[in-house]
N, C-alpha and C. Protein backbone atom coordinates (compact mmCIF):
# COMPACT_ATOMS: atom_id res chain seq x y z
N MET A 1 314.90 9.72 8.94
CA MET A 1 314.03 9.89 7.79
C MET A 1 313.23 8.60 7.52
N ASP A 2 313.92 7.45 7.58
CA ASP A 2 313.22 6.18 7.35
C ASP A 2 312.16 5.93 8.42
N ALA A 3 312.48 6.28 9.67
CA ALA A 3 311.51 6.10 10.75
C ALA A 3 310.27 6.95 10.52
N ALA A 4 310.45 8.17 10.03
CA ALA A 4 309.31 9.05 9.76
C ALA A 4 308.42 8.46 8.68
N LYS A 5 309.02 7.83 7.67
CA LYS A 5 308.24 7.20 6.60
C LYS A 5 307.38 6.06 7.16
N VAL A 6 307.96 5.28 8.07
CA VAL A 6 307.22 4.18 8.69
C VAL A 6 306.05 4.73 9.49
N ILE A 7 306.28 5.78 10.26
CA ILE A 7 305.22 6.37 11.08
C ILE A 7 304.10 6.92 10.21
N LEU A 8 304.46 7.54 9.08
CA LEU A 8 303.45 8.12 8.19
C LEU A 8 302.54 7.06 7.56
N LYS A 9 303.03 5.83 7.46
CA LYS A 9 302.18 4.74 6.94
C LYS A 9 301.08 4.37 7.92
N ASN A 10 301.28 4.76 9.19
CA ASN A 10 300.29 4.56 10.24
C ASN A 10 299.85 3.11 10.41
N LYS A 11 300.81 2.18 10.26
CA LYS A 11 300.54 0.77 10.52
C LYS A 11 301.19 0.42 11.84
N THR A 12 300.41 -0.18 12.73
CA THR A 12 300.95 -0.54 14.03
C THR A 12 300.72 -2.02 14.31
N ARG A 13 301.47 -2.50 15.28
CA ARG A 13 301.32 -3.89 15.72
C ARG A 13 301.49 -3.94 17.22
N LYS A 14 300.62 -4.66 17.89
CA LYS A 14 300.73 -4.84 19.34
C LYS A 14 301.64 -6.02 19.63
N MET A 15 302.42 -5.88 20.70
CA MET A 15 303.39 -6.90 21.05
C MET A 15 303.34 -7.15 22.55
N ASP A 16 303.59 -8.41 22.91
CA ASP A 16 303.69 -8.77 24.32
C ASP A 16 304.98 -8.21 24.91
N ILE A 17 304.97 -7.96 26.21
CA ILE A 17 306.21 -7.71 26.94
C ILE A 17 306.19 -8.59 28.19
N GLY A 18 307.36 -8.85 28.71
CA GLY A 18 307.48 -9.67 29.90
C GLY A 18 307.72 -8.83 31.13
N LYS A 19 307.14 -9.24 32.24
CA LYS A 19 307.36 -8.59 33.52
C LYS A 19 308.03 -9.59 34.45
N ALA A 20 309.13 -9.18 35.06
CA ALA A 20 309.85 -10.01 36.03
C ALA A 20 309.71 -9.37 37.40
N ASP A 21 309.13 -10.09 38.35
CA ASP A 21 308.90 -9.58 39.69
C ASP A 21 309.90 -10.23 40.65
N PHE A 22 310.80 -9.41 41.20
CA PHE A 22 311.81 -9.90 42.12
C PHE A 22 311.44 -9.64 43.58
N GLY A 23 310.16 -9.36 43.83
CA GLY A 23 309.72 -9.08 45.20
C GLY A 23 309.79 -7.60 45.49
N GLU A 24 311.00 -7.08 45.69
CA GLU A 24 311.16 -5.67 46.02
C GLU A 24 311.11 -4.77 44.79
N LYS A 25 311.25 -5.35 43.61
CA LYS A 25 311.20 -4.54 42.38
C LYS A 25 310.72 -5.38 41.21
N SER A 26 310.22 -4.69 40.20
CA SER A 26 309.82 -5.34 38.96
C SER A 26 310.62 -4.76 37.81
N GLN A 27 310.92 -5.59 36.83
CA GLN A 27 311.63 -5.18 35.61
C GLN A 27 310.83 -5.70 34.42
N TYR A 28 311.06 -5.10 33.26
CA TYR A 28 310.35 -5.49 32.04
C TYR A 28 311.36 -5.88 30.97
N PHE A 29 310.94 -6.76 30.05
CA PHE A 29 311.82 -7.18 28.97
C PHE A 29 310.98 -7.47 27.73
N VAL A 30 311.63 -7.38 26.56
CA VAL A 30 310.91 -7.58 25.29
C VAL A 30 311.41 -8.77 24.49
N ASN A 31 312.52 -9.36 24.89
CA ASN A 31 313.06 -10.48 24.11
C ASN A 31 313.22 -11.74 24.95
N ILE A 32 314.08 -11.70 25.96
CA ILE A 32 314.39 -12.93 26.69
C ILE A 32 314.74 -12.70 28.14
N ALA A 33 314.38 -13.67 28.96
CA ALA A 33 314.85 -13.77 30.34
C ALA A 33 315.54 -15.13 30.44
N ALA A 34 316.64 -15.17 31.17
CA ALA A 34 317.39 -16.42 31.28
C ALA A 34 318.16 -16.46 32.59
N SER A 35 318.41 -17.68 33.06
CA SER A 35 319.22 -17.86 34.26
C SER A 35 319.85 -19.24 34.23
N GLY A 36 320.97 -19.36 34.92
CA GLY A 36 321.69 -20.63 34.97
C GLY A 36 323.09 -20.46 34.43
N SER A 37 323.93 -21.45 34.68
CA SER A 37 325.35 -21.32 34.34
C SER A 37 325.59 -21.22 32.83
N LEU A 38 324.73 -21.83 32.02
CA LEU A 38 324.94 -21.75 30.56
C LEU A 38 324.76 -20.33 30.02
N THR A 39 324.06 -19.46 30.76
CA THR A 39 323.89 -18.09 30.27
C THR A 39 325.22 -17.35 30.23
N GLU A 40 326.21 -17.82 31.01
CA GLU A 40 327.54 -17.21 30.99
C GLU A 40 328.16 -17.27 29.61
N LEU A 41 327.75 -18.23 28.81
CA LEU A 41 328.28 -18.38 27.47
C LEU A 41 328.05 -17.14 26.63
N THR A 42 326.88 -16.51 26.76
CA THR A 42 326.57 -15.34 25.95
C THR A 42 327.46 -14.16 26.31
N TYR A 43 327.88 -14.08 27.60
CA TYR A 43 328.75 -12.98 28.00
C TYR A 43 330.21 -13.27 27.64
N GLY A 44 330.55 -14.55 27.53
CA GLY A 44 331.94 -14.93 27.37
C GLY A 44 332.50 -14.82 25.97
N VAL A 45 331.65 -14.52 24.98
CA VAL A 45 332.12 -14.44 23.60
C VAL A 45 332.21 -12.96 23.20
N PRO A 46 333.42 -12.44 23.00
CA PRO A 46 333.55 -11.03 22.61
C PRO A 46 332.87 -10.74 21.27
N SER A 47 332.35 -9.53 21.12
CA SER A 47 331.61 -9.14 19.91
C SER A 47 332.41 -9.34 18.64
N GLU A 48 333.71 -9.00 18.70
CA GLU A 48 334.54 -9.14 17.48
C GLU A 48 334.71 -10.59 17.07
N VAL A 49 334.74 -11.49 18.06
CA VAL A 49 334.85 -12.92 17.74
C VAL A 49 333.53 -13.42 17.14
N LYS A 50 332.39 -12.96 17.70
CA LYS A 50 331.09 -13.33 17.14
C LYS A 50 330.98 -12.86 15.70
N SER A 51 331.45 -11.64 15.42
CA SER A 51 331.37 -11.09 14.07
C SER A 51 332.22 -11.90 13.10
N ALA A 52 333.39 -12.30 13.54
CA ALA A 52 334.31 -13.03 12.66
C ALA A 52 333.89 -14.49 12.45
N LEU A 53 333.44 -15.14 13.51
CA LEU A 53 333.19 -16.59 13.44
C LEU A 53 331.72 -16.97 13.44
N GLY A 54 330.82 -16.04 13.76
CA GLY A 54 329.40 -16.35 13.78
C GLY A 54 329.09 -17.40 14.84
N TYR A 55 328.22 -18.36 14.47
CA TYR A 55 327.78 -19.38 15.42
C TYR A 55 328.93 -20.23 15.94
N ALA A 56 329.96 -20.40 15.12
CA ALA A 56 331.10 -21.21 15.55
C ALA A 56 331.75 -20.64 16.81
N ALA A 57 331.66 -19.31 16.99
CA ALA A 57 332.24 -18.68 18.18
C ALA A 57 331.60 -19.24 19.44
N TYR A 58 330.28 -19.45 19.41
CA TYR A 58 329.59 -19.99 20.58
C TYR A 58 330.00 -21.44 20.83
N LEU A 59 330.16 -22.20 19.77
CA LEU A 59 330.57 -23.60 19.93
C LEU A 59 331.97 -23.69 20.50
N ILE A 60 332.87 -22.83 20.02
CA ILE A 60 334.24 -22.83 20.51
C ILE A 60 334.28 -22.42 21.98
N LYS A 61 333.58 -21.34 22.31
CA LYS A 61 333.54 -20.87 23.70
C LYS A 61 332.83 -21.89 24.59
N GLY A 62 331.79 -22.51 24.05
CA GLY A 62 331.07 -23.53 24.80
C GLY A 62 331.96 -24.70 25.15
N ALA A 63 332.77 -25.15 24.19
CA ALA A 63 333.68 -26.27 24.44
C ALA A 63 334.69 -25.90 25.52
N GLU A 64 335.09 -24.64 25.54
CA GLU A 64 336.04 -24.18 26.56
C GLU A 64 335.40 -24.12 27.95
N MET A 65 334.15 -23.69 28.02
CA MET A 65 333.48 -23.48 29.30
C MET A 65 332.82 -24.71 29.89
N LEU A 66 332.41 -25.67 29.06
CA LEU A 66 331.59 -26.78 29.54
C LEU A 66 332.16 -27.53 30.74
N PRO A 67 333.47 -27.80 30.78
CA PRO A 67 333.97 -28.52 31.96
C PRO A 67 333.76 -27.78 33.27
N ARG A 68 333.61 -26.44 33.22
CA ARG A 68 333.46 -25.64 34.44
C ARG A 68 332.00 -25.34 34.79
N LEU A 69 331.06 -25.71 33.92
CA LEU A 69 329.66 -25.38 34.16
C LEU A 69 329.10 -26.19 35.33
N THR A 70 328.24 -25.53 36.09
CA THR A 70 327.59 -26.19 37.22
C THR A 70 326.09 -26.21 36.97
N SER A 71 325.39 -27.00 37.76
CA SER A 71 323.93 -26.98 37.67
C SER A 71 323.38 -26.45 38.99
N ASN A 72 322.15 -26.00 38.94
CA ASN A 72 321.46 -25.50 40.13
C ASN A 72 320.22 -26.34 40.36
N GLU A 73 319.89 -26.55 41.65
CA GLU A 73 318.65 -27.23 41.98
C GLU A 73 317.55 -26.17 42.02
N MET A 74 316.53 -26.35 41.18
CA MET A 74 315.50 -25.33 41.08
C MET A 74 314.11 -25.94 41.01
N ARG A 75 313.14 -25.13 41.38
CA ARG A 75 311.74 -25.44 41.16
C ARG A 75 311.21 -24.40 40.18
N LEU A 76 310.72 -24.87 39.04
CA LEU A 76 310.10 -24.01 38.04
C LEU A 76 308.62 -24.36 37.97
N THR A 77 307.77 -23.40 38.26
CA THR A 77 306.33 -23.60 38.22
C THR A 77 305.78 -22.84 37.02
N TYR A 78 305.17 -23.55 36.09
CA TYR A 78 304.65 -22.94 34.87
C TYR A 78 303.25 -23.47 34.60
N ASP A 79 302.60 -22.98 33.55
CA ASP A 79 301.19 -23.30 33.31
C ASP A 79 300.89 -24.79 33.29
N ASP A 80 301.74 -25.58 32.66
CA ASP A 80 301.46 -27.00 32.49
C ASP A 80 302.07 -27.91 33.54
N GLY A 81 302.71 -27.33 34.54
CA GLY A 81 303.28 -28.21 35.55
C GLY A 81 304.39 -27.58 36.35
N VAL A 82 305.17 -28.46 36.99
CA VAL A 82 306.28 -28.05 37.84
C VAL A 82 307.48 -28.92 37.49
N TYR A 83 308.64 -28.30 37.33
CA TYR A 83 309.89 -29.05 37.19
C TYR A 83 310.70 -28.80 38.44
N GLU A 84 311.13 -29.87 39.10
CA GLU A 84 312.01 -29.77 40.25
C GLU A 84 313.23 -30.63 39.98
N GLY A 85 314.40 -30.03 40.10
CA GLY A 85 315.62 -30.78 39.89
C GLY A 85 316.74 -29.89 39.39
N GLY A 86 317.79 -30.54 38.94
CA GLY A 86 318.94 -29.81 38.45
C GLY A 86 318.67 -29.21 37.09
N LEU A 87 319.26 -28.05 36.85
CA LEU A 87 319.20 -27.48 35.51
C LEU A 87 320.43 -26.64 35.24
N SER A 88 320.80 -26.61 33.97
CA SER A 88 321.93 -25.80 33.54
C SER A 88 321.48 -24.40 33.16
N MET A 89 320.21 -24.29 32.71
CA MET A 89 319.71 -22.99 32.28
C MET A 89 318.22 -23.09 32.01
N PHE A 90 317.53 -21.97 32.22
CA PHE A 90 316.19 -21.83 31.65
C PHE A 90 316.16 -20.56 30.82
N LEU A 91 315.43 -20.61 29.73
CA LEU A 91 315.22 -19.48 28.84
C LEU A 91 313.72 -19.23 28.74
N LEU A 92 313.34 -17.99 28.85
CA LEU A 92 311.94 -17.59 28.70
C LEU A 92 311.93 -16.56 27.58
N GLY A 93 311.44 -16.95 26.41
CA GLY A 93 311.56 -16.10 25.24
C GLY A 93 310.26 -15.55 24.72
N MET A 94 310.38 -14.38 24.10
CA MET A 94 309.23 -13.73 23.47
C MET A 94 309.38 -13.75 21.94
N THR A 95 310.62 -13.89 21.46
CA THR A 95 310.88 -13.93 20.02
C THR A 95 311.70 -15.17 19.71
N ASN A 96 311.90 -15.46 18.44
CA ASN A 96 312.69 -16.64 18.07
C ASN A 96 314.18 -16.35 18.01
N SER A 97 314.60 -15.09 18.12
CA SER A 97 316.00 -14.72 17.95
C SER A 97 316.66 -14.46 19.30
N ILE A 98 317.70 -15.23 19.57
CA ILE A 98 318.46 -15.07 20.80
C ILE A 98 319.94 -15.09 20.45
N GLY A 99 320.61 -13.98 20.68
CA GLY A 99 322.05 -13.91 20.41
C GLY A 99 322.42 -14.23 18.98
N GLY A 100 321.56 -13.89 18.03
CA GLY A 100 321.85 -14.17 16.63
C GLY A 100 321.36 -15.53 16.16
N PHE A 101 320.98 -16.40 17.09
CA PHE A 101 320.41 -17.70 16.73
C PHE A 101 318.92 -17.51 16.46
N GLU A 102 318.47 -17.92 15.29
CA GLU A 102 317.09 -17.66 14.89
C GLU A 102 316.13 -18.82 15.17
N GLN A 103 316.62 -19.95 15.64
CA GLN A 103 315.76 -21.12 15.84
C GLN A 103 315.73 -21.63 17.27
N ILE A 104 316.18 -20.81 18.23
CA ILE A 104 316.18 -21.27 19.62
C ILE A 104 314.75 -21.50 20.11
N MET A 105 313.86 -20.57 19.76
CA MET A 105 312.45 -20.65 20.14
C MET A 105 311.62 -20.74 18.86
N PRO A 106 311.57 -21.89 18.20
CA PRO A 106 311.00 -21.96 16.85
C PRO A 106 309.52 -21.61 16.74
N ASP A 107 308.75 -21.71 17.83
CA ASP A 107 307.31 -21.43 17.76
C ASP A 107 306.93 -20.06 18.32
N ALA A 108 307.91 -19.18 18.54
CA ALA A 108 307.63 -17.89 19.17
C ALA A 108 306.75 -17.00 18.30
N GLN A 109 305.82 -16.32 18.94
CA GLN A 109 304.98 -15.31 18.29
C GLN A 109 304.98 -14.07 19.16
N LEU A 110 304.94 -12.91 18.53
CA LEU A 110 305.11 -11.66 19.25
C LEU A 110 303.90 -11.21 20.06
N SER A 111 302.71 -11.75 19.76
CA SER A 111 301.52 -11.19 20.39
C SER A 111 300.50 -12.24 20.83
N ASP A 112 300.96 -13.45 21.16
CA ASP A 112 300.03 -14.50 21.56
C ASP A 112 299.82 -14.61 23.06
N GLY A 113 300.51 -13.76 23.84
CA GLY A 113 300.35 -13.79 25.29
C GLY A 113 301.09 -14.93 25.97
N LEU A 114 302.00 -15.60 25.24
CA LEU A 114 302.70 -16.77 25.78
C LEU A 114 304.22 -16.61 25.65
N PHE A 115 304.92 -17.02 26.69
CA PHE A 115 306.36 -17.18 26.63
C PHE A 115 306.68 -18.54 26.02
N GLN A 116 307.83 -18.66 25.41
CA GLN A 116 308.40 -19.96 25.07
C GLN A 116 309.38 -20.29 26.20
N LEU A 117 309.21 -21.43 26.84
CA LEU A 117 310.08 -21.82 27.95
C LEU A 117 310.94 -22.99 27.52
N ILE A 118 312.25 -22.83 27.69
CA ILE A 118 313.20 -23.92 27.47
C ILE A 118 313.94 -24.16 28.78
N VAL A 119 313.91 -25.40 29.23
CA VAL A 119 314.67 -25.82 30.41
C VAL A 119 315.74 -26.78 29.92
N VAL A 120 317.00 -26.47 30.22
CA VAL A 120 318.12 -27.34 29.84
C VAL A 120 318.57 -28.08 31.09
N LYS A 121 318.35 -29.40 31.08
CA LYS A 121 318.74 -30.23 32.22
C LYS A 121 320.25 -30.46 32.18
N PRO A 122 320.85 -30.75 33.34
CA PRO A 122 322.30 -31.01 33.35
C PRO A 122 322.63 -32.24 32.52
N SER A 123 323.80 -32.20 31.90
CA SER A 123 324.24 -33.33 31.09
C SER A 123 325.76 -33.31 31.01
N ASP A 124 326.33 -34.35 30.45
CA ASP A 124 327.78 -34.39 30.32
C ASP A 124 328.22 -33.43 29.20
N PRO A 125 329.49 -33.00 29.22
CA PRO A 125 329.97 -32.02 28.24
C PRO A 125 329.76 -32.42 26.77
N VAL A 126 329.91 -33.69 26.46
CA VAL A 126 329.73 -34.12 25.06
C VAL A 126 328.28 -33.91 24.62
N ASN A 127 327.34 -34.27 25.47
CA ASN A 127 325.93 -34.09 25.13
C ASN A 127 325.57 -32.60 25.05
N MET A 128 326.17 -31.78 25.92
CA MET A 128 325.92 -30.34 25.87
C MET A 128 326.39 -29.75 24.54
N MET A 129 327.54 -30.19 24.06
CA MET A 129 328.04 -29.72 22.76
C MET A 129 327.07 -30.16 21.65
N LYS A 130 326.55 -31.38 21.76
CA LYS A 130 325.57 -31.84 20.78
C LYS A 130 324.33 -30.96 20.80
N LEU A 131 323.85 -30.63 22.00
CA LEU A 131 322.69 -29.75 22.14
C LEU A 131 322.93 -28.38 21.50
N MET A 132 324.12 -27.83 21.72
CA MET A 132 324.44 -26.53 21.15
C MET A 132 324.42 -26.59 19.62
N ALA A 133 324.95 -27.67 19.07
CA ALA A 133 324.94 -27.84 17.61
C ALA A 133 323.51 -27.99 17.09
N LEU A 134 322.68 -28.74 17.80
CA LEU A 134 321.29 -28.91 17.39
C LEU A 134 320.51 -27.60 17.44
N ALA A 135 320.90 -26.71 18.38
CA ALA A 135 320.21 -25.42 18.53
C ALA A 135 320.38 -24.54 17.30
N LEU A 136 321.41 -24.78 16.51
CA LEU A 136 321.63 -23.96 15.31
C LEU A 136 320.48 -24.06 14.32
N ASN A 137 319.78 -25.22 14.31
CA ASN A 137 318.67 -25.38 13.35
C ASN A 137 317.34 -25.73 14.02
N GLY A 138 317.24 -25.49 15.33
CA GLY A 138 315.97 -25.69 16.02
C GLY A 138 315.65 -27.12 16.38
N LYS A 139 316.59 -28.04 16.22
CA LYS A 139 316.34 -29.46 16.51
C LYS A 139 316.54 -29.81 17.98
N HIS A 140 317.03 -28.88 18.78
CA HIS A 140 317.29 -29.14 20.20
C HIS A 140 316.02 -29.38 21.00
N VAL A 141 314.88 -28.87 20.53
CA VAL A 141 313.64 -28.96 21.33
C VAL A 141 313.13 -30.39 21.47
N ASP A 142 313.63 -31.30 20.65
CA ASP A 142 313.20 -32.71 20.72
C ASP A 142 314.12 -33.56 21.60
N ASP A 143 315.19 -32.97 22.10
CA ASP A 143 316.16 -33.72 22.90
C ASP A 143 315.58 -34.04 24.28
N PRO A 144 315.84 -35.23 24.82
CA PRO A 144 315.30 -35.59 26.15
C PRO A 144 315.84 -34.74 27.30
N ASN A 145 316.96 -34.03 27.08
CA ASN A 145 317.51 -33.16 28.11
C ASN A 145 316.91 -31.75 28.08
N ILE A 146 315.89 -31.57 27.24
CA ILE A 146 315.24 -30.26 27.07
C ILE A 146 313.75 -30.38 27.40
N ILE A 147 313.24 -29.40 28.14
CA ILE A 147 311.79 -29.21 28.25
C ILE A 147 311.48 -27.98 27.41
N TYR A 148 310.54 -28.10 26.49
CA TYR A 148 310.15 -26.97 25.65
C TYR A 148 308.63 -26.87 25.68
N THR A 149 308.12 -25.75 26.18
CA THR A 149 306.69 -25.57 26.31
C THR A 149 306.35 -24.09 26.22
N LYS A 150 305.06 -23.78 26.19
CA LYS A 150 304.59 -22.40 26.22
C LYS A 150 303.90 -22.17 27.56
N THR A 151 304.00 -20.94 28.06
CA THR A 151 303.39 -20.62 29.35
C THR A 151 303.12 -19.12 29.45
N LYS A 152 302.08 -18.76 30.19
CA LYS A 152 301.78 -17.34 30.44
C LYS A 152 302.61 -16.81 31.60
N SER A 153 303.04 -17.71 32.47
CA SER A 153 303.78 -17.28 33.67
C SER A 153 304.80 -18.33 34.05
N LEU A 154 305.75 -17.91 34.88
CA LEU A 154 306.77 -18.82 35.39
C LEU A 154 307.24 -18.29 36.74
N LYS A 155 307.38 -19.20 37.70
CA LYS A 155 308.01 -18.87 38.98
C LYS A 155 309.27 -19.71 39.08
N ALA A 156 310.41 -19.07 39.32
CA ALA A 156 311.69 -19.78 39.40
C ALA A 156 312.31 -19.54 40.77
N GLU A 157 312.62 -20.63 41.47
CA GLU A 157 313.22 -20.51 42.80
C GLU A 157 314.25 -21.61 43.01
N LEU A 158 315.29 -21.27 43.75
CA LEU A 158 316.32 -22.23 44.10
C LEU A 158 315.84 -23.10 45.25
N ILE A 159 316.18 -24.37 45.20
CA ILE A 159 315.78 -25.30 46.25
C ILE A 159 316.97 -26.17 46.65
N GLY A 160 316.78 -26.93 47.71
CA GLY A 160 317.79 -27.92 48.12
C GLY A 160 319.16 -27.30 48.35
N LYS A 161 320.19 -27.94 47.81
CA LYS A 161 321.57 -27.50 48.05
C LYS A 161 321.87 -26.16 47.41
N SER A 162 321.03 -25.69 46.46
CA SER A 162 321.26 -24.40 45.81
C SER A 162 320.58 -23.25 46.55
N GLU A 163 319.71 -23.57 47.50
CA GLU A 163 318.99 -22.52 48.23
C GLU A 163 319.98 -21.59 48.92
N GLY A 164 319.72 -20.30 48.82
CA GLY A 164 320.61 -19.31 49.44
C GLY A 164 321.69 -18.79 48.52
N LYS A 165 321.88 -19.42 47.36
CA LYS A 165 322.86 -18.92 46.39
C LYS A 165 322.34 -17.64 45.73
N GLU A 166 323.24 -16.85 45.20
CA GLU A 166 322.85 -15.68 44.41
C GLU A 166 322.91 -16.08 42.95
N LEU A 167 321.75 -16.32 42.36
CA LEU A 167 321.70 -16.71 40.95
C LEU A 167 321.10 -15.57 40.15
N PRO A 168 321.92 -14.91 39.31
CA PRO A 168 321.42 -13.76 38.55
C PRO A 168 320.44 -14.17 37.47
N VAL A 169 319.54 -13.24 37.14
CA VAL A 169 318.56 -13.42 36.07
C VAL A 169 318.84 -12.37 35.00
N ASN A 170 319.10 -12.84 33.79
CA ASN A 170 319.40 -11.98 32.66
C ASN A 170 318.10 -11.56 31.99
N LEU A 171 317.90 -10.25 31.84
CA LEU A 171 316.74 -9.71 31.11
C LEU A 171 317.26 -8.91 29.93
N ASP A 172 317.03 -9.40 28.72
CA ASP A 172 317.48 -8.72 27.50
C ASP A 172 318.96 -8.36 27.54
N GLY A 173 319.79 -9.26 28.09
CA GLY A 173 321.23 -9.06 28.05
C GLY A 173 321.83 -8.37 29.26
N GLU A 174 321.01 -7.98 30.22
CA GLU A 174 321.50 -7.32 31.44
C GLU A 174 320.99 -8.07 32.67
N ILE A 175 321.74 -8.01 33.76
CA ILE A 175 321.26 -8.62 34.99
C ILE A 175 320.13 -7.77 35.53
N GLY A 176 318.94 -8.38 35.65
CA GLY A 176 317.76 -7.65 36.11
C GLY A 176 317.51 -7.83 37.60
N GLY A 177 318.04 -8.91 38.17
CA GLY A 177 317.83 -9.22 39.58
C GLY A 177 318.31 -10.64 39.84
N TYR A 178 317.88 -11.21 40.96
CA TYR A 178 318.33 -12.54 41.37
C TYR A 178 317.13 -13.39 41.76
N CYS A 179 317.28 -14.71 41.58
CA CYS A 179 316.21 -15.63 41.98
C CYS A 179 316.01 -15.53 43.48
N PRO A 180 314.76 -15.69 43.95
CA PRO A 180 313.58 -16.13 43.22
C PRO A 180 312.96 -15.00 42.40
N VAL A 181 312.24 -15.40 41.33
CA VAL A 181 311.61 -14.44 40.43
C VAL A 181 310.32 -15.04 39.89
N SER A 182 309.34 -14.18 39.66
CA SER A 182 308.10 -14.59 39.01
C SER A 182 307.94 -13.79 37.73
N PHE A 183 307.57 -14.46 36.66
CA PHE A 183 307.41 -13.82 35.35
C PHE A 183 305.94 -13.86 34.94
N GLU A 184 305.53 -12.79 34.27
CA GLU A 184 304.18 -12.70 33.73
C GLU A 184 304.25 -12.13 32.32
N ASN A 185 303.52 -12.74 31.38
CA ASN A 185 303.45 -12.22 30.03
C ASN A 185 302.31 -11.20 29.97
N LEU A 186 302.64 -9.97 29.61
CA LEU A 186 301.64 -8.92 29.47
C LEU A 186 301.24 -8.87 27.99
N LYS A 187 300.14 -9.53 27.69
CA LYS A 187 299.72 -9.74 26.30
C LYS A 187 299.40 -8.42 25.59
N GLN A 188 300.03 -8.25 24.41
CA GLN A 188 299.79 -7.10 23.53
C GLN A 188 299.82 -5.78 24.30
N HIS A 189 300.79 -5.65 25.16
CA HIS A 189 300.87 -4.52 26.09
C HIS A 189 301.47 -3.25 25.48
N ILE A 190 302.22 -3.42 24.39
CA ILE A 190 302.88 -2.27 23.79
C ILE A 190 302.60 -2.26 22.29
N GLU A 191 302.49 -1.06 21.71
CA GLU A 191 302.15 -0.94 20.30
C GLU A 191 303.29 -0.22 19.57
N PHE A 192 303.69 -0.80 18.43
CA PHE A 192 304.78 -0.24 17.63
C PHE A 192 304.29 0.13 16.25
N TYR A 193 304.91 1.16 15.67
CA TYR A 193 304.75 1.41 14.23
C TYR A 193 305.61 0.39 13.51
N VAL A 194 305.07 -0.19 12.44
CA VAL A 194 305.80 -1.22 11.69
C VAL A 194 305.85 -0.86 10.21
N GLY A 195 306.82 -1.46 9.51
CA GLY A 195 306.91 -1.27 8.07
C GLY A 195 305.84 -2.05 7.36
N ALA A 196 306.16 -2.51 6.15
CA ALA A 196 305.17 -3.19 5.32
C ALA A 196 304.54 -4.38 6.03
């Protein structure tokens, strides 16, 4: 009934969607694409623990997982340049909300044709915990172990000692494929009915 009321108002909004090209197949996403060992954190926290503890659940699980996290050697090619080296994770976001955190991508807009790209460089466990705490209020983007930029496209590939590994790519919470992958922002590609 509520959905019908929204439709009857006849107000719509166009929104970007992301396209991930894995060579043999393409997938689409509306919120986030991510890859790297830190993405395991989002799978490792059971829903009931997240509900009970909120953000603290991620910090607790993060503290448990950090000693086992590895980095991958990658080449990331984006609009403003190329990053080559170790990384713990990259996030390519379309909205500011990721896993209940509202400030991970503080400058995200739904229809500007740009992804928000965050690259998390490898660091020691203590600094990683600090980064996770800073992410709660959006202050992580100023950390020297973070690259934060906007881009229309991204190519992610494993290089060096990581070449040949199977590194999964998470699209909106599901494994969409494996690196290498190329991403493209499809500006204002989908139209939704919206409330007020």
